[in-house]
Amino acid sequence: MAIKFSEDVVPLGDLKVNPGRVLKHVVEAHRPVLVTSRGRGVAVVQSVTDYEQADEERAFMRAVVKGLGDIESGQEVSLEKAKVRLGIS
């Protein structure tokens, strides 16, 4: 989801004049838009669907990193023990 500066940077004035065009671009391109004011980034506009997907991916990656840390510190549990703890046969 790399930003394309030629397409995904919008001055705040353009957003005020035509918000529908910016929102349509965000949804269709599946990339966030950087909103600028006086040449500086002030906000990011992203579709809800893309935001939720990215949030789920971040949560998954955090869980993987935590799991790898648990393994490195010797806190792993065998599949059999996990099934017993969870009441799964």
PDB file of N, CA and C in Angstrom:
ATOM      1  N   MET A   1       0.832  -1.178   0.000  1.00  0.00           N
ATOM      2  CA  MET A   1       0.000   0.000   0.000  1.00  0.00           C
ATOM      3  C   MET A   1       0.878   1.244   0.000  1.00  0.00           C
ATOM      4  N   ALA A   2       1.826   1.301  -0.904  1.00  0.00           N
ATOM      5  CA  ALA A   2       2.717   2.448  -0.998  1.00  0.00           C
ATOM      6  C   ALA A   2       1.967   3.642  -1.565  1.00  0.00           C
ATOM      7  N   ILE A   3       2.259   4.791  -1.014  1.00  0.00           N
ATOM      8  CA  ILE A   3       1.607   6.019  -1.481  1.00  0.00           C
ATOM      9  C   ILE A   3       2.237   6.449  -2.805  1.00  0.00           C
ATOM     10  N   LYS A   4       1.411   6.902  -3.722  1.00  0.00           N
ATOM     11  CA  LYS A   4       1.896   7.446  -4.988  1.00  0.00           C
ATOM     12  C   LYS A   4       1.751   8.964  -4.883  1.00  0.00           C
ATOM     13  N   PHE A   5       2.886   9.633  -4.729  1.00  0.00           N
ATOM     14  CA  PHE A   5       2.833  11.068  -4.486  1.00  0.00           C
ATOM     15  C   PHE A   5       2.167  11.832  -5.625  1.00  0.00           C
ATOM     16  N   SER A   6       2.218  11.298  -6.825  1.00  0.00           N
ATOM     17  CA  SER A   6       1.589  11.982  -7.953  1.00  0.00           C
ATOM     18  C   SER A   6       0.066  11.899  -7.898  1.00  0.00           C
ATOM     19  N   GLU A   7      -0.473  10.929  -7.128  1.00  0.00           N
ATOM     20  CA  GLU A   7      -1.919  10.733  -7.094  1.00  0.00           C
ATOM     21  C   GLU A   7      -2.528  10.846  -5.698  1.00  0.00           C
ATOM     22  N   ASP A   8      -1.738  10.591  -4.657  1.00  0.00           N
ATOM     23  CA  ASP A   8      -2.303  10.397  -3.330  1.00  0.00           C
ATOM     24  C   ASP A   8      -2.010  11.515  -2.338  1.00  0.00           C
ATOM     25  N   VAL A   9      -1.540  12.662  -2.815  1.00  0.00           N
ATOM     26  CA  VAL A   9      -1.335  13.818  -1.949  1.00  0.00           C
ATOM     27  C   VAL A   9      -2.309  14.890  -2.397  1.00  0.00           C
ATOM     28  N   VAL A  10      -3.131  15.357  -1.448  1.00  0.00           N
ATOM     29  CA  VAL A  10      -4.194  16.297  -1.780  1.00  0.00           C
ATOM     30  C   VAL A  10      -4.125  17.492  -0.831  1.00  0.00           C
ATOM     31  N   PRO A  11      -4.061  18.694  -1.369  1.00  0.00           N
ATOM     32  CA  PRO A  11      -4.124  19.868  -0.503  1.00  0.00           C
ATOM     33  C   PRO A  11      -5.495  19.955   0.181  1.00  0.00           C
ATOM     34  N   LEU A  12      -5.503  20.473   1.378  1.00  0.00           N
ATOM     35  CA  LEU A  12      -6.736  20.597   2.150  1.00  0.00           C
ATOM     36  C   LEU A  12      -7.808  21.354   1.374  1.00  0.00           C
ATOM     37  N   GLY A  13      -7.409  22.361   0.618  1.00  0.00           N
ATOM     38  CA  GLY A  13      -8.361  23.125  -0.186  1.00  0.00           C
ATOM     39  C   GLY A  13      -9.076  22.258  -1.205  1.00  0.00           C
ATOM     40  N   ASP A  14      -8.349  21.337  -1.845  1.00  0.00           N
ATOM     41  CA  ASP A  14      -8.966  20.426  -2.817  1.00  0.00           C
ATOM     42  C   ASP A  14      -9.963  19.499  -2.134  1.00  0.00           C
ATOM     43  N   LEU A  15      -9.621  19.065  -0.930  1.00  0.00           N
ATOM     44  CA  LEU A  15     -10.539  18.199  -0.178  1.00  0.00           C
ATOM     45  C   LEU A  15     -11.818  18.953   0.161  1.00  0.00           C
ATOM     46  N   LYS A  16     -11.682  20.216   0.525  1.00  0.00           N
ATOM     47  CA  LYS A  16     -12.858  21.029   0.860  1.00  0.00           C
ATOM     48  C   LYS A  16     -13.742  21.256  -0.364  1.00  0.00           C
ATOM     49  N   VAL A  17     -13.115  21.485  -1.521  1.00  0.00           N
ATOM     50  CA  VAL A  17     -13.860  21.779  -2.745  1.00  0.00           C
ATOM     51  C   VAL A  17     -14.558  20.539  -3.288  1.00  0.00           C
ATOM     52  N   ASN A  18     -13.868  19.383  -3.270  1.00  0.00           N
ATOM     53  CA  ASN A  18     -14.444  18.191  -3.876  1.00  0.00           C
ATOM     54  C   ASN A  18     -14.136  16.944  -3.037  1.00  0.00           C
ATOM     55  N   PRO A  19     -14.780  16.831  -1.864  1.00  0.00           N
ATOM     56  CA  PRO A  19     -14.499  15.673  -1.013  1.00  0.00           C
ATOM     57  C   PRO A  19     -14.921  14.352  -1.652  1.00  0.00           C
ATOM     58  N   GLY A  20     -15.970  14.352  -2.452  1.00  0.00           N
ATOM     59  CA  GLY A  20     -16.442  13.130  -3.100  1.00  0.00           C
ATOM     60  C   GLY A  20     -15.402  12.525  -4.018  1.00  0.00           C
ATOM     61  N   ARG A  21     -14.681  13.365  -4.747  1.00  0.00           N
ATOM     62  CA  ARG A  21     -13.628  12.872  -5.653  1.00  0.00           C
ATOM     63  C   ARG A  21     -12.518  12.203  -4.854  1.00  0.00           C
ATOM     64  N   VAL A  22     -12.126  12.821  -3.740  1.00  0.00           N
ATOM     65  CA  VAL A  22     -11.051  12.264  -2.909  1.00  0.00           C
ATOM     66  C   VAL A  22     -11.491  10.935  -2.309  1.00  0.00           C
ATOM     67  N   LEU A  23     -12.703  10.869  -1.789  1.00  0.00           N
ATOM     68  CA  LEU A  23     -13.197   9.630  -1.188  1.00  0.00           C
ATOM     69  C   LEU A  23     -13.330   8.523  -2.233  1.00  0.00           C
ATOM     70  N   LYS A  24     -13.781   8.868  -3.423  1.00  0.00           N
ATOM     71  CA  LYS A  24     -13.889   7.873  -4.484  1.00  0.00           C
ATOM     72  C   LYS A  24     -12.509   7.318  -4.826  1.00  0.00           C
ATOM     73  N   HIS A  25     -11.523   8.193  -4.894  1.00  0.00           N
ATOM     74  CA  HIS A  25     -10.157   7.758  -5.194  1.00  0.00           C
ATOM     75  C   HIS A  25      -9.637   6.813  -4.104  1.00  0.00           C
ATOM     76  N   VAL A  26      -9.880   7.144  -2.843  1.00  0.00           N
ATOM     77  CA  VAL A  26      -9.421   6.323  -1.718  1.00  0.00           C
ATOM     78  C   VAL A  26     -10.021   4.926  -1.805  1.00  0.00           C
ATOM     79  N   VAL A  27     -11.302   4.843  -2.086  1.00  0.00           N
ATOM     80  CA  VAL A  27     -11.988   3.552  -2.153  1.00  0.00           C
ATOM     81  C   VAL A  27     -11.506   2.743  -3.357  1.00  0.00           C
ATOM     82  N   GLU A  28     -11.383   3.376  -4.499  1.00  0.00           N
ATOM     83  CA  GLU A  28     -11.018   2.647  -5.718  1.00  0.00           C
ATOM     84  C   GLU A  28      -9.536   2.260  -5.753  1.00  0.00           C
ATOM     85  N   ALA A  29      -8.662   3.118  -5.250  1.00  0.00           N
ATOM     86  CA  ALA A  29      -7.221   2.856  -5.321  1.00  0.00           C
ATOM     87  C   ALA A  29      -6.738   1.948  -4.192  1.00  0.00           C
ATOM     88  N   HIS A  30      -7.530   1.833  -3.132  1.00  0.00           N
ATOM     89  CA  HIS A  30      -7.128   1.053  -1.952  1.00  0.00           C
ATOM     90  C   HIS A  30      -5.802   1.551  -1.386  1.00  0.00           C
ATOM     91  N   ARG A  31      -5.622   2.891  -1.450  1.00  0.00           N
ATOM     92  CA  ARG A  31      -4.449   3.535  -0.860  1.00  0.00           C
ATOM     93  C   ARG A  31      -4.934   4.744  -0.074  1.00  0.00           C
ATOM     94  N   PRO A  32      -4.263   5.051   1.025  1.00  0.00           N
ATOM     95  CA  PRO A  32      -4.653   6.258   1.758  1.00  0.00           C
ATOM     96  C   PRO A  32      -4.218   7.506   1.005  1.00  0.00           C
ATOM     97  N   VAL A  33      -4.875   8.614   1.304  1.00  0.00           N
ATOM     98  CA  VAL A  33      -4.526   9.905   0.721  1.00  0.00           C
ATOM     99  C   VAL A  33      -3.963  10.784   1.834  1.00  0.00           C
ATOM    100  N   LEU A  34      -2.836  11.420   1.562  1.00  0.00           N
ATOM    101  CA  LEU A  34      -2.234  12.359   2.501  1.00  0.00           C
ATOM    102  C   LEU A  34      -2.808  13.742   2.225  1.00  0.00           C
ATOM    103  N   VAL A  35      -3.413  14.340   3.244  1.00  0.00           N
ATOM    104  CA  VAL A  35      -3.968  15.683   3.126  1.00  0.00           C
ATOM    105  C   VAL A  35      -2.925  16.657   3.668  1.00  0.00           C
ATOM    106  N   THR A  36      -2.637  17.694   2.873  1.00  0.00           N
ATOM    107  CA  THR A  36      -1.622  18.665   3.268  1.00  0.00           C
ATOM    108  C   THR A  36      -2.235  20.038   3.495  1.00  0.00           C
ATOM    109  N   SER A  37      -1.582  20.798   4.338  1.00  0.00           N
ATOM    110  CA  SER A  37      -1.941  22.192   4.567  1.00  0.00           C
ATOM    111  C   SER A  37      -0.650  22.977   4.621  1.00  0.00           C
ATOM    112  N   ARG A  38      -0.523  23.948   3.726  1.00  0.00           N
ATOM    113  CA  ARG A  38       0.688  24.752   3.628  1.00  0.00           C
ATOM    114  C   ARG A  38       1.930  23.889   3.419  1.00  0.00           C
ATOM    115  N   GLY A  39       1.759  22.836   2.625  1.00  0.00           N
ATOM    116  CA  GLY A  39       2.873  21.979   2.255  1.00  0.00           C
ATOM    117  C   GLY A  39       3.253  20.920   3.266  1.00  0.00           C
ATOM    118  N   ARG A  40       2.525  20.825   4.353  1.00  0.00           N
ATOM    119  CA  ARG A  40       2.830  19.823   5.379  1.00  0.00           C
ATOM    120  C   ARG A  40       1.665  18.848   5.517  1.00  0.00           C
ATOM    121  N   GLY A  41       1.998  17.585   5.757  1.00  0.00           N
ATOM    122  CA  GLY A  41       0.965  16.589   5.971  1.00  0.00           C
ATOM    123  C   GLY A  41       0.228  16.847   7.270  1.00  0.00           C
ATOM    124  N   VAL A  42      -1.114  16.830   7.214  1.00  0.00           N
ATOM    125  CA  VAL A  42      -1.913  17.090   8.418  1.00  0.00           C
ATOM    126  C   VAL A  42      -2.884  15.955   8.724  1.00  0.00           C
ATOM    127  N   ALA A  43      -3.198  15.117   7.747  1.00  0.00           N
ATOM    128  CA  ALA A  43      -4.155  14.038   7.977  1.00  0.00           C
ATOM    129  C   ALA A  43      -4.013  12.987   6.886  1.00  0.00           C
ATOM    130  N   VAL A  44      -4.549  11.817   7.188  1.00  0.00           N
ATOM    131  CA  VAL A  44      -4.591  10.726   6.219  1.00  0.00           C
ATOM    132  C   VAL A  44      -6.043  10.288   6.102  1.00  0.00           C
ATOM    133  N   VAL A  45      -6.515  10.148   4.872  1.00  0.00           N
ATOM    134  CA  VAL A  45      -7.872   9.668   4.615  1.00  0.00           C
ATOM    135  C   VAL A  45      -7.740   8.261   4.044  1.00  0.00           C
ATOM    136  N   GLN A  46      -8.472   7.325   4.653  1.00  0.00           N
ATOM    137  CA  GLN A  46      -8.395   5.927   4.243  1.00  0.00           C
ATOM    138  C   GLN A  46      -9.795   5.335   4.323  1.00  0.00           C
ATOM    139  N   SER A  47     -10.104   4.394   3.442  1.00  0.00           N
ATOM    140  CA  SER A  47     -11.420   3.756   3.487  1.00  0.00           C
ATOM    141  C   SER A  47     -11.532   2.906   4.744  1.00  0.00           C
ATOM    142  N   VAL A  48     -12.726   2.755   5.244  1.00  0.00           N
ATOM    143  CA  VAL A  48     -12.956   1.961   6.448  1.00  0.00           C
ATOM    144  C   VAL A  48     -12.542   0.514   6.214  1.00  0.00           C
ATOM    145  N   THR A  49     -12.875  -0.031   5.069  1.00  0.00           N
ATOM    146  CA  THR A  49     -12.519  -1.418   4.750  1.00  0.00           C
ATOM    147  C   THR A  49     -11.013  -1.621   4.779  1.00  0.00           C
ATOM    148  N   ASP A  50     -10.273  -0.720   4.149  1.00  0.00           N
ATOM    149  CA  ASP A  50      -8.814  -0.838   4.127  1.00  0.00           C
ATOM    150  C   ASP A  50      -8.235  -0.647   5.523  1.00  0.00           C
ATOM    151  N   TYR A  51      -8.808   0.264   6.300  1.00  0.00           N
ATOM    152  CA  TYR A  51      -8.349   0.483   7.675  1.00  0.00           C
ATOM    153  C   TYR A  51      -8.555  -0.777   8.516  1.00  0.00           C
ATOM    154  N   GLU A  52      -9.739  -1.366   8.422  1.00  0.00           N
ATOM    155  CA  GLU A  52     -10.030  -2.566   9.203  1.00  0.00           C
ATOM    156  C   GLU A  52      -9.115  -3.722   8.808  1.00  0.00           C
ATOM    157  N   GLN A  53      -8.869  -3.879   7.522  1.00  0.00           N
ATOM    158  CA  GLN A  53      -7.979  -4.947   7.055  1.00  0.00           C
ATOM    159  C   GLN A  53      -6.563  -4.732   7.590  1.00  0.00           C
ATOM    160  N   ALA A  54      -6.068  -3.508   7.505  1.00  0.00           N
ATOM    161  CA  ALA A  54      -4.724  -3.212   7.996  1.00  0.00           C
ATOM    162  C   ALA A  54      -4.645  -3.418   9.504  1.00  0.00           C
ATOM    163  N   ASP A  55      -5.698  -3.057  10.224  1.00  0.00           N
ATOM    164  CA  ASP A  55      -5.726  -3.235  11.673  1.00  0.00           C
ATOM    165  C   ASP A  55      -5.695  -4.721  12.037  1.00  0.00           C
ATOM    166  N   GLU A  56      -6.444  -5.528  11.307  1.00  0.00           N
ATOM    167  CA  GLU A  56      -6.428  -6.977  11.538  1.00  0.00           C
ATOM    168  C   GLU A  56      -5.048  -7.564  11.248  1.00  0.00           C
ATOM    169  N   GLU A  57      -4.410  -7.104  10.180  1.00  0.00           N
ATOM    170  CA  GLU A  57      -3.075  -7.586   9.839  1.00  0.00           C
ATOM    171  C   GLU A  57      -2.067  -7.209  10.922  1.00  0.00           C
ATOM    172  N   ARG A  58      -2.168  -5.977  11.441  1.00  0.00           N
ATOM    173  CA  ARG A  58      -1.260  -5.563  12.522  1.00  0.00           C
ATOM    174  C   ARG A  58      -1.474  -6.411  13.768  1.00  0.00           C
ATOM    175  N   ALA A  59      -2.731  -6.681  14.116  1.00  0.00           N
ATOM    176  CA  ALA A  59      -3.032  -7.505  15.294  1.00  0.00           C
ATOM    177  C   ALA A  59      -2.473  -8.920  15.106  1.00  0.00           C
ATOM    178  N   PHE A  60      -2.629  -9.479  13.914  1.00  0.00           N
ATOM    179  CA  PHE A  60      -2.095 -10.812  13.632  1.00  0.00           C
ATOM    180  C   PHE A  60      -0.578 -10.826  13.781  1.00  0.00           C
ATOM    181  N   MET A  61       0.083  -9.833  13.209  1.00  0.00           N
ATOM    182  CA  MET A  61       1.546  -9.782  13.279  1.00  0.00           C
ATOM    183  C   MET A  61       2.016  -9.607  14.725  1.00  0.00           C
ATOM    184  N   ARG A  62       1.296  -8.806  15.527  1.00  0.00           N
ATOM    185  CA  ARG A  62       1.657  -8.672  16.942  1.00  0.00           C
ATOM    186  C   ARG A  62       1.556 -10.024  17.646  1.00  0.00           C
ATOM    187  N   ALA A  63       0.509 -10.792  17.338  1.00  0.00           N
ATOM    188  CA  ALA A  63       0.323 -12.109  17.953  1.00  0.00           C
ATOM    189  C   ALA A  63       1.444 -13.066  17.535  1.00  0.00           C
ATOM    190  N   VAL A  64       1.840 -13.008  16.270  1.00  0.00           N
ATOM    191  CA  VAL A  64       2.936 -13.861  15.793  1.00  0.00           C
ATOM    192  C   VAL A  64       4.227 -13.504  16.522  1.00  0.00           C
ATOM    193  N   VAL A  65       4.520 -12.222  16.629  1.00  0.00           N
ATOM    194  CA  VAL A  65       5.737 -11.782  17.316  1.00  0.00           C
ATOM    195  C   VAL A  65       5.707 -12.213  18.778  1.00  0.00           C
ATOM    196  N   LYS A  66       4.552 -12.076  19.429  1.00  0.00           N
ATOM    197  CA  LYS A  66       4.429 -12.508  20.821  1.00  0.00           C
ATOM    198  C   LYS A  66       4.644 -14.012  20.935  1.00  0.00           C
ATOM    199  N   GLY A  67       4.063 -14.766  20.030  1.00  0.00           N
ATOM    200  CA  GLY A  67       4.231 -16.216  20.033  1.00  0.00           C
ATOM    201  C   GLY A  67       5.679 -16.623  19.839  1.00  0.00           C
ATOM    202  N   LEU A  68       6.363 -15.957  18.931  1.00  0.00           N
ATOM    203  CA  LEU A  68       7.782 -16.257  18.715  1.00  0.00           C
ATOM    204  C   LEU A  68       8.599 -15.917  19.957  1.00  0.00           C
ATOM    205  N   GLY A  69       8.233 -14.829  20.621  1.00  0.00           N
ATOM    206  CA  GLY A  69       8.908 -14.473  21.870  1.00  0.00           C
ATOM    207  C   GLY A  69       8.672 -15.509  22.947  1.00  0.00           C
ATOM    208  N   ASP A  70       7.445 -16.023  23.024  1.00  0.00           N
ATOM    209  CA  ASP A  70       7.132 -17.081  23.995  1.00  0.00           C
ATOM    210  C   ASP A  70       7.966 -18.329  23.723  1.00  0.00           C
ATOM    211  N   ILE A  71       8.114 -18.686  22.461  1.00  0.00           N
ATOM    212  CA  ILE A  71       8.910 -19.866  22.103  1.00  0.00           C
ATOM    213  C   ILE A  71      10.367 -19.651  22.508  1.00  0.00           C
ATOM    214  N   GLU A  72      10.901 -18.474  22.207  1.00  0.00           N
ATOM    215  CA  GLU A  72      12.297 -18.192  22.550  1.00  0.00           C
ATOM    216  C   GLU A  72      12.536 -18.220  24.052  1.00  0.00           C
ATOM    217  N   SER A  73      11.529 -17.852  24.837  1.00  0.00           N
ATOM    218  CA  SER A  73      11.700 -17.828  26.294  1.00  0.00           C
ATOM    219  C   SER A  73      11.289 -19.145  26.942  1.00  0.00           C
ATOM    220  N   GLY A  74      10.980 -20.148  26.118  1.00  0.00           N
ATOM    221  CA  GLY A  74      10.673 -21.467  26.641  1.00  0.00           C
ATOM    222  C   GLY A  74       9.272 -21.611  27.204  1.00  0.00           C
ATOM    223  N   GLN A  75       8.358 -20.790  26.761  1.00  0.00           N
ATOM    224  CA  GLN A  75       6.992 -20.828  27.277  1.00  0.00           C
ATOM    225  C   GLN A  75       6.031 -21.545  26.341  1.00  0.00           C
ATOM    226  N   GLU A  76       6.544 -22.410  25.468  1.00  0.00           N
ATOM    227  CA  GLU A  76       5.658 -23.125  24.554  1.00  0.00           C
ATOM    228  C   GLU A  76       4.941 -24.249  25.299  1.00  0.00           C
ATOM    229  N   VAL A  77       3.799 -24.646  24.736  1.00  0.00           N
ATOM    230  CA  VAL A  77       2.970 -25.710  25.299  1.00  0.00           C
ATOM    231  C   VAL A  77       2.725 -26.716  24.175  1.00  0.00           C
ATOM    232  N   SER A  78       2.778 -27.991  24.508  1.00  0.00           N
ATOM    233  CA  SER A  78       2.528 -29.006  23.491  1.00  0.00           C
ATOM    234  C   SER A  78       1.065 -28.953  23.047  1.00  0.00           C
ATOM    235  N   LEU A  79       0.804 -29.481  21.867  1.00  0.00           N
ATOM    236  CA  LEU A  79      -0.556 -29.512  21.343  1.00  0.00           C
ATOM    237  C   LEU A  79      -1.479 -30.281  22.278  1.00  0.00           C
ATOM    238  N   GLU A  80      -1.012 -31.375  22.816  1.00  0.00           N
ATOM    239  CA  GLU A  80      -1.830 -32.190  23.725  1.00  0.00           C
ATOM    240  C   GLU A  80      -2.216 -31.389  24.976  1.00  0.00           C
ATOM    241  N   LYS A  81      -1.238 -30.676  25.556  1.00  0.00           N
ATOM    242  CA  LYS A  81      -1.521 -29.878  26.759  1.00  0.00           C
ATOM    243  C   LYS A  81      -2.480 -28.733  26.434  1.00  0.00           C
ATOM    244  N   ALA A  82      -2.316 -28.131  25.274  1.00  0.00           N
ATOM    245  CA  ALA A  82      -3.205 -27.040  24.882  1.00  0.00           C
ATOM    246  C   ALA A  82      -4.639 -27.546  24.723  1.00  0.00           C
ATOM    247  N   LYS A  83      -4.794 -28.716  24.139  1.00  0.00           N
ATOM    248  CA  LYS A  83      -6.136 -29.299  23.974  1.00  0.00           C
ATOM    249  C   LYS A  83      -6.770 -29.566  25.341  1.00  0.00           C
ATOM    250  N   VAL A  84      -5.993 -30.077  26.270  1.00  0.00           N
ATOM    251  CA  VAL A  84      -6.515 -30.358  27.616  1.00  0.00           C
ATOM    252  C   VAL A  84      -6.943 -29.046  28.278  1.00  0.00           C
ATOM    253  N   ARG A  85      -6.095 -28.020  28.205  1.00  0.00           N
ATOM    254  CA  ARG A  85      -6.411 -26.713  28.809  1.00  0.00           C
ATOM    255  C   ARG A  85      -7.702 -26.123  28.217  1.00  0.00           C
ATOM    256  N   LEU A  86      -7.888 -26.309  26.923  1.00  0.00           N
ATOM    257  CA  LEU A  86      -9.046 -25.730  26.237  1.00  0.00           C
ATOM    258  C   LEU A  86     -10.264 -26.664  26.251  1.00  0.00           C
ATOM    259  N   GLY A  87     -10.094 -27.870  26.777  1.00  0.00           N
ATOM    260  CA  GLY A  87     -11.195 -28.815  26.827  1.00  0.00           C
ATOM    261  C   GLY A  87     -11.569 -29.368  25.464  1.00  0.00           C
ATOM    262  N   ILE A  88     -10.578 -29.501  24.607  1.00  0.00           N
ATOM    263  CA  ILE A  88     -10.795 -30.018  23.255  1.00  0.00           C
ATOM    264  C   ILE A  88     -10.272 -31.440  23.199  1.00  0.00           C
ATOM    265  N   SER A  89     -11.060 -32.340  22.619  1.00  0.00           N
ATOM    266  CA  SER A  89     -10.561 -33.717  22.527  1.00  0.00           C
ATOM    267  C   SER A  89     -10.084 -34.048  21.134  1.00  0.00           C
TER     268      SER A  89
END
